[in-house]
PDB file of all heavy atoms in Angstrom:
ATOM      1  N   LEU A   1     -48.818  21.896 -24.843  1.00  0.00           N
ATOM      2  CA  LEU A   1     -48.673  21.158 -23.569  1.00  0.00           C
ATOM      3  C   LEU A   1     -48.628  22.142 -22.392  1.00  0.00           C
ATOM      4  O   LEU A   1     -48.420  23.405 -22.559  1.00  0.00           O
ATOM      5  CB  LEU A   1     -47.376  20.298 -23.595  1.00  0.00           C
ATOM      6  CG  LEU A   1     -45.961  20.972 -23.799  1.00  0.00           C
ATOM      7  CD1 LEU A   1     -45.484  21.606 -22.542  1.00  0.00           C
ATOM      8  CD2 LEU A   1     -45.026  19.880 -24.291  1.00  0.00           C
ATOM      9  N   ASN A   2     -48.844  21.637 -21.185  1.00  0.00           N
ATOM     10  CA  ASN A   2     -48.802  22.430 -19.985  1.00  0.00           C
ATOM     11  C   ASN A   2     -47.310  22.743 -19.642  1.00  0.00           C
ATOM     12  O   ASN A   2     -46.514  21.864 -19.671  1.00  0.00           O
ATOM     13  CB  ASN A   2     -49.435  21.651 -18.861  1.00  0.00           C
ATOM     14  CG  ASN A   2     -50.891  21.273 -19.185  1.00  0.00           C
ATOM     15  OD1 ASN A   2     -51.775  22.112 -19.038  1.00  0.00           O
ATOM     16  ND2 ASN A   2     -51.056  20.006 -19.515  1.00  0.00           N
ATOM     17  N   PHE A   3     -47.064  24.001 -19.321  1.00  0.00           N
ATOM     18  CA  PHE A   3     -45.658  24.420 -19.152  1.00  0.00           C
ATOM     19  C   PHE A   3     -45.521  25.278 -17.891  1.00  0.00           C
ATOM     20  O   PHE A   3     -46.415  26.119 -17.539  1.00  0.00           O
ATOM     21  CB  PHE A   3     -45.194  25.227 -20.404  1.00  0.00           C
ATOM     22  CG  PHE A   3     -43.840  25.749 -20.284  1.00  0.00           C
ATOM     23  CD1 PHE A   3     -42.744  24.842 -20.337  1.00  0.00           C
ATOM     24  CD2 PHE A   3     -43.581  27.133 -20.198  1.00  0.00           C
ATOM     25  CE1 PHE A   3     -41.466  25.338 -20.278  1.00  0.00           C
ATOM     26  CE2 PHE A   3     -42.267  27.588 -20.162  1.00  0.00           C
ATOM     27  CZ  PHE A   3     -41.183  26.680 -20.180  1.00  0.00           C
ATOM     28  N   ARG A   4     -44.453  25.054 -17.167  1.00  0.00           N
ATOM     29  CA  ARG A   4     -44.076  25.843 -16.015  1.00  0.00           C
ATOM     30  C   ARG A   4     -42.550  25.987 -15.950  1.00  0.00           C
ATOM     31  O   ARG A   4     -41.846  25.137 -16.518  1.00  0.00           O
ATOM     32  CB  ARG A   4     -44.659  25.305 -14.728  1.00  0.00           C
ATOM     33  CG  ARG A   4     -43.908  24.043 -14.198  1.00  0.00           C
ATOM     34  CD  ARG A   4     -44.589  23.401 -13.085  1.00  0.00           C
ATOM     35  NE  ARG A   4     -45.572  22.413 -13.395  1.00  0.00           N
ATOM     36  CZ  ARG A   4     -46.267  21.650 -12.639  1.00  0.00           C
ATOM     37  NH1 ARG A   4     -46.052  21.782 -11.318  1.00  0.00           N
ATOM     38  NH2 ARG A   4     -47.076  20.745 -13.059  1.00  0.00           N
ATOM     39  N   THR A   5     -42.121  26.957 -15.217  1.00  0.00           N
ATOM     40  CA  THR A   5     -40.663  27.211 -14.989  1.00  0.00           C
ATOM     41  C   THR A   5     -40.365  27.035 -13.509  1.00  0.00           C
ATOM     42  O   THR A   5     -41.025  27.756 -12.688  1.00  0.00           O
ATOM     43  CB  THR A   5     -40.142  28.500 -15.576  1.00  0.00           C
ATOM     44  OG1 THR A   5     -40.458  28.562 -16.962  1.00  0.00           O
ATOM     45  CG2 THR A   5     -38.693  28.709 -15.384  1.00  0.00           C
ATOM     46  N   VAL A   6     -39.386  26.191 -13.155  1.00  0.00           N
ATOM     47  CA  VAL A   6     -38.949  26.108 -11.800  1.00  0.00           C
ATOM     48  C   VAL A   6     -37.415  26.330 -11.761  1.00  0.00           C
ATOM     49  O   VAL A   6     -36.649  25.314 -11.999  1.00  0.00           O
ATOM     50  CB  VAL A   6     -39.320  24.687 -11.174  1.00  0.00           C
ATOM     51  CG1 VAL A   6     -38.873  24.618  -9.737  1.00  0.00           C
ATOM     52  CG2 VAL A   6     -40.785  24.473 -11.313  1.00  0.00           C
ATOM     53  N   PRO A   7     -36.953  27.449 -11.495  1.00  0.00           N
ATOM     54  CA  PRO A   7     -35.425  27.696 -11.410  1.00  0.00           C
ATOM     55  C   PRO A   7     -34.857  26.834 -10.338  1.00  0.00           C
ATOM     56  O   PRO A   7     -35.376  26.725  -9.218  1.00  0.00           O
ATOM     57  CB  PRO A   7     -35.339  29.188 -11.148  1.00  0.00           C
ATOM     58  CG  PRO A   7     -36.672  29.793 -11.520  1.00  0.00           C
ATOM     59  CD  PRO A   7     -37.706  28.706 -11.218  1.00  0.00           C
ATOM     60  N   ILE A   8     -33.696  26.310 -10.600  1.00  0.00           N
ATOM     61  CA  ILE A   8     -32.972  25.515  -9.627  1.00  0.00           C
ATOM     62  C   ILE A   8     -31.861  26.285  -8.933  1.00  0.00           C
ATOM     63  O   ILE A   8     -31.151  25.664  -8.054  1.00  0.00           O
ATOM     64  CB  ILE A   8     -32.430  24.214 -10.231  1.00  0.00           C
ATOM     65  CG1 ILE A   8     -31.368  24.512 -11.300  1.00  0.00           C
ATOM     66  CG2 ILE A   8     -33.549  23.330 -10.803  1.00  0.00           C
ATOM     67  CD1 ILE A   8     -30.580  23.275 -11.688  1.00  0.00           C
ATOM     68  N   VAL A   9     -31.717  27.554  -9.295  1.00  0.00           N
ATOM     69  CA  VAL A   9     -30.617  28.339  -8.671  1.00  0.00           C
ATOM     70  C   VAL A   9     -30.642  28.347  -7.171  1.00  0.00           C
ATOM     71  O   VAL A   9     -29.577  28.123  -6.533  1.00  0.00           O
ATOM     72  CB  VAL A   9     -30.605  29.759  -9.352  1.00  0.00           C
ATOM     73  CG1 VAL A   9     -29.508  30.600  -8.605  1.00  0.00           C
ATOM     74  CG2 VAL A   9     -30.292  29.720 -10.806  1.00  0.00           C
ATOM     75  N   PRO A  10     -31.783  28.665  -6.551  1.00  0.00           N
ATOM     76  CA  PRO A  10     -31.797  28.670  -5.105  1.00  0.00           C
ATOM     77  C   PRO A  10     -31.387  27.338  -4.453  1.00  0.00           C
ATOM     78  O   PRO A  10     -30.676  27.265  -3.516  1.00  0.00           O
ATOM     79  CB  PRO A  10     -33.191  28.995  -4.744  1.00  0.00           C
ATOM     80  CG  PRO A  10     -33.711  29.769  -5.953  1.00  0.00           C
ATOM     81  CD  PRO A  10     -33.125  29.092  -7.076  1.00  0.00           C
ATOM     82  N   MET A  11     -31.914  26.268  -5.024  1.00  0.00           N
ATOM     83  CA  MET A  11     -31.581  24.861  -4.539  1.00  0.00           C
ATOM     84  C   MET A  11     -30.097  24.571  -4.722  1.00  0.00           C
ATOM     85  O   MET A  11     -29.360  24.013  -3.882  1.00  0.00           O
ATOM     86  CB  MET A  11     -32.420  23.834  -5.218  1.00  0.00           C
ATOM     87  CG  MET A  11     -33.893  23.920  -4.875  1.00  0.00           C
ATOM     88  SD  MET A  11     -34.904  22.705  -5.816  1.00  0.00           S
ATOM     89  CE  MET A  11     -35.283  23.603  -7.285  1.00  0.00           C
ATOM     90  N   PHE A  12     -29.558  25.032  -5.921  1.00  0.00           N
ATOM     91  CA  PHE A  12     -28.147  24.793  -6.259  1.00  0.00           C
ATOM     92  C   PHE A  12     -27.282  25.594  -5.241  1.00  0.00           C
ATOM     93  O   PHE A  12     -26.296  25.000  -4.721  1.00  0.00           O
ATOM     94  CB  PHE A  12     -27.875  25.244  -7.692  1.00  0.00           C
ATOM     95  CG  PHE A  12     -26.523  25.160  -8.066  1.00  0.00           C
ATOM     96  CD1 PHE A  12     -25.950  23.890  -8.451  1.00  0.00           C
ATOM     97  CD2 PHE A  12     -25.660  26.224  -8.174  1.00  0.00           C
ATOM     98  CE1 PHE A  12     -24.658  23.726  -8.858  1.00  0.00           C
ATOM     99  CE2 PHE A  12     -24.344  26.110  -8.543  1.00  0.00           C
ATOM    100  CZ  PHE A  12     -23.809  24.912  -8.914  1.00  0.00           C
ATOM    101  N   ASP A  13     -27.617  26.817  -5.009  1.00  0.00           N
ATOM    102  CA  ASP A  13     -26.731  27.647  -4.116  1.00  0.00           C
ATOM    103  C   ASP A  13     -26.807  27.033  -2.730  1.00  0.00           C
ATOM    104  O   ASP A  13     -25.737  27.019  -2.012  1.00  0.00           O
ATOM    105  CB  ASP A  13     -27.289  29.100  -4.106  1.00  0.00           C
ATOM    106  CG  ASP A  13     -27.014  29.785  -5.399  1.00  0.00           C
ATOM    107  OD1 ASP A  13     -26.116  29.344  -6.192  1.00  0.00           O
ATOM    108  OD2 ASP A  13     -27.610  30.899  -5.626  1.00  0.00           O
ATOM    109  N   ALA A  14     -27.914  26.616  -2.270  1.00  0.00           N
ATOM    110  CA  ALA A  14     -28.039  25.988  -0.950  1.00  0.00           C
ATOM    111  C   ALA A  14     -27.212  24.746  -0.830  1.00  0.00           C
ATOM    112  O   ALA A  14     -26.492  24.507   0.136  1.00  0.00           O
ATOM    113  CB  ALA A  14     -29.465  25.734  -0.557  1.00  0.00           C
ATOM    114  N   SER A  15     -27.292  23.913  -1.809  1.00  0.00           N
ATOM    115  CA  SER A  15     -26.460  22.656  -1.846  1.00  0.00           C
ATOM    116  C   SER A  15     -24.962  22.954  -1.884  1.00  0.00           C
ATOM    117  O   SER A  15     -24.224  22.273  -1.239  1.00  0.00           O
ATOM    118  CB  SER A  15     -26.893  21.804  -3.016  1.00  0.00           C
ATOM    119  OG  SER A  15     -28.265  21.493  -2.892  1.00  0.00           O
ATOM    120  N   MET A  16     -24.583  23.895  -2.710  1.00  0.00           N
ATOM    121  CA  MET A  16     -23.188  24.260  -2.856  1.00  0.00           C
ATOM    122  C   MET A  16     -22.609  24.847  -1.557  1.00  0.00           C
ATOM    123  O   MET A  16     -21.506  24.477  -1.102  1.00  0.00           O
ATOM    124  CB  MET A  16     -22.954  25.269  -3.990  1.00  0.00           C
ATOM    125  CG  MET A  16     -23.114  24.664  -5.346  1.00  0.00           C
ATOM    126  SD  MET A  16     -21.929  23.435  -5.738  1.00  0.00           S
ATOM    127  CE  MET A  16     -20.440  24.489  -5.812  1.00  0.00           C
ATOM    128  N   GLY A  17     -23.505  25.602  -0.882  1.00  0.00           N
ATOM    129  CA  GLY A  17     -23.061  26.137   0.413  1.00  0.00           C
ATOM    130  C   GLY A  17     -22.886  25.055   1.440  1.00  0.00           C
ATOM    131  O   GLY A  17     -22.004  25.126   2.318  1.00  0.00           O
ATOM    132  N   ALA A  18     -23.727  24.014   1.384  1.00  0.00           N
ATOM    133  CA  ALA A  18     -23.618  22.929   2.390  1.00  0.00           C
ATOM    134  C   ALA A  18     -22.582  21.942   2.069  1.00  0.00           C
ATOM    135  O   ALA A  18     -21.926  21.362   2.931  1.00  0.00           O
ATOM    136  CB  ALA A  18     -24.990  22.243   2.455  1.00  0.00           C
ATOM    137  N   LEU A  19     -22.250  21.786   0.733  1.00  0.00           N
ATOM    138  CA  LEU A  19     -21.375  20.644   0.316  1.00  0.00           C
ATOM    139  C   LEU A  19     -20.057  21.142  -0.267  1.00  0.00           C
ATOM    140  O   LEU A  19     -19.047  20.383  -0.266  1.00  0.00           O
ATOM    141  CB  LEU A  19     -22.113  19.798  -0.723  1.00  0.00           C
ATOM    142  CG  LEU A  19     -23.385  19.058  -0.257  1.00  0.00           C
ATOM    143  CD1 LEU A  19     -24.047  18.417  -1.390  1.00  0.00           C
ATOM    144  CD2 LEU A  19     -23.050  18.147   0.881  1.00  0.00           C
ATOM    145  N   GLY A  20     -20.002  22.369  -0.813  1.00  0.00           N
ATOM    146  CA  GLY A  20     -18.772  22.860  -1.288  1.00  0.00           C
ATOM    147  C   GLY A  20     -18.170  22.042  -2.485  1.00  0.00           C
ATOM    148  O   GLY A  20     -17.033  21.726  -2.525  1.00  0.00           O
ATOM    149  N   LEU A  21     -19.052  21.692  -3.477  1.00  0.00           N
ATOM    150  CA  LEU A  21     -18.669  20.843  -4.556  1.00  0.00           C
ATOM    151  C   LEU A  21     -17.896  21.599  -5.600  1.00  0.00           C
ATOM    152  O   LEU A  21     -18.043  22.831  -5.786  1.00  0.00           O
ATOM    153  CB  LEU A  21     -19.894  20.206  -5.175  1.00  0.00           C
ATOM    154  CG  LEU A  21     -20.809  19.443  -4.216  1.00  0.00           C
ATOM    155  CD1 LEU A  21     -22.026  18.905  -4.955  1.00  0.00           C
ATOM    156  CD2 LEU A  21     -20.034  18.278  -3.566  1.00  0.00           C
ATOM    157  N   THR A  22     -17.146  20.868  -6.413  1.00  0.00           N
ATOM    158  CA  THR A  22     -16.382  21.438  -7.569  1.00  0.00           C
ATOM    159  C   THR A  22     -16.428  20.479  -8.728  1.00  0.00           C
ATOM    160  O   THR A  22     -16.751  19.324  -8.557  1.00  0.00           O
ATOM    161  CB  THR A  22     -14.885  21.762  -7.167  1.00  0.00           C
ATOM    162  OG1 THR A  22     -14.285  20.523  -6.835  1.00  0.00           O
ATOM    163  CG2 THR A  22     -14.835  22.761  -6.056  1.00  0.00           C
ATOM    164  N   GLY A  23     -16.049  20.987  -9.907  1.00  0.00           N
ATOM    165  CA  GLY A  23     -15.815  20.136 -11.070  1.00  0.00           C
ATOM    166  C   GLY A  23     -17.082  19.330 -11.460  1.00  0.00           C
ATOM    167  O   GLY A  23     -18.203  19.812 -11.471  1.00  0.00           O
ATOM    168  N   LEU A  24     -16.886  18.036 -11.737  1.00  0.00           N
ATOM    169  CA  LEU A  24     -17.946  17.196 -12.244  1.00  0.00           C
ATOM    170  C   LEU A  24     -19.036  17.022 -11.200  1.00  0.00           C
ATOM    171  O   LEU A  24     -20.206  16.973 -11.554  1.00  0.00           O
ATOM    172  CB  LEU A  24     -17.366  15.806 -12.621  1.00  0.00           C
ATOM    173  CG  LEU A  24     -18.327  14.853 -13.376  1.00  0.00           C
ATOM    174  CD1 LEU A  24     -18.798  15.490 -14.679  1.00  0.00           C
ATOM    175  CD2 LEU A  24     -17.608  13.535 -13.567  1.00  0.00           C
TER     176      LEU A  24
END
């Protein structure tokens, strides 16, 4: 099958910086 990798770390860090989420 066709395969690619898209890391979500940059998107996660940006969201955490904007929202300050914890836990679940």
